[in-house]
Each structure stands twice: as structure tokens, then as C-alpha cells.
Amino acid sequence: MAAYRQTVLTAMEEVENGITGFASLERAEIQATPACAVRNGLFDIASDRYKGGVDTYLDVITSEQTLLTNQRQAVQIQGQQFANAFIWSRRLAEAGPMPHRKNRCATNF
């Protein structure tokens, strides 16, 4: 009985950790998406200012580097979300189907 209880507690802990992981990745994605949009706009402004002769090309490169860093972080977050989803779907598949229980309230037509 103690081994069963420990197994159940471990499973509940893994589920809780998984839910927490999904939630923190979701928060990170929510923060990363607008940051990419802002950096994209700043890159466009830097490019336009360079074309207009106001800024140097170094300003364009710096802006682009920041944009690419934000985009890389967003892609890494998405990759981790996909990896977590795969791990959890695999765990569910390994657990096998739930035992079938008869519906005692079913009526025959």
C-alpha cells in the first residue's frame, strides 16, 4: 500500500510540475510576442533613418541584432512548448487506455 501511495504522489507531483511548466512558458510567450513586434518596428525605423541619411548603418545592424535576439528567444520558447507537449502526450500514451467502466445508468434502446 505504501508503494502505491508513493507512486500516486510522484505522479501527482509530475503533473503539477508539468502544469507549472506550461504556465511559465505561456507567460514567457506572452511577453516575447510583443517584444518581437516592438523590435521589428524599431528595426524598420532604423532602416528608414539610414535610407534618409539620418543614422549610420551601425544603428541598423544594432537594431537588427536586437530583433534577431528577440526572435530567437521566441522560437526557443515555442520549441520548449512543443517539446513539453510531446513529452506529455508520450507519457499519456505510455500510460495506456483508461480501464473501461460500465455505465450503470445506460438504457438500451
Foldseek 3Di string as FASTA:
>chain_A
DVVVVVVVVVVVVVVVVLVVVLVVLVVVLVVLVVVLVVLVVLLVVQVVCVVVVNDPVVSNVVSVVSNVVSVVSNVVSVVVNVVSVVVVVVVVVVVPDDDDDDDPPDDDD
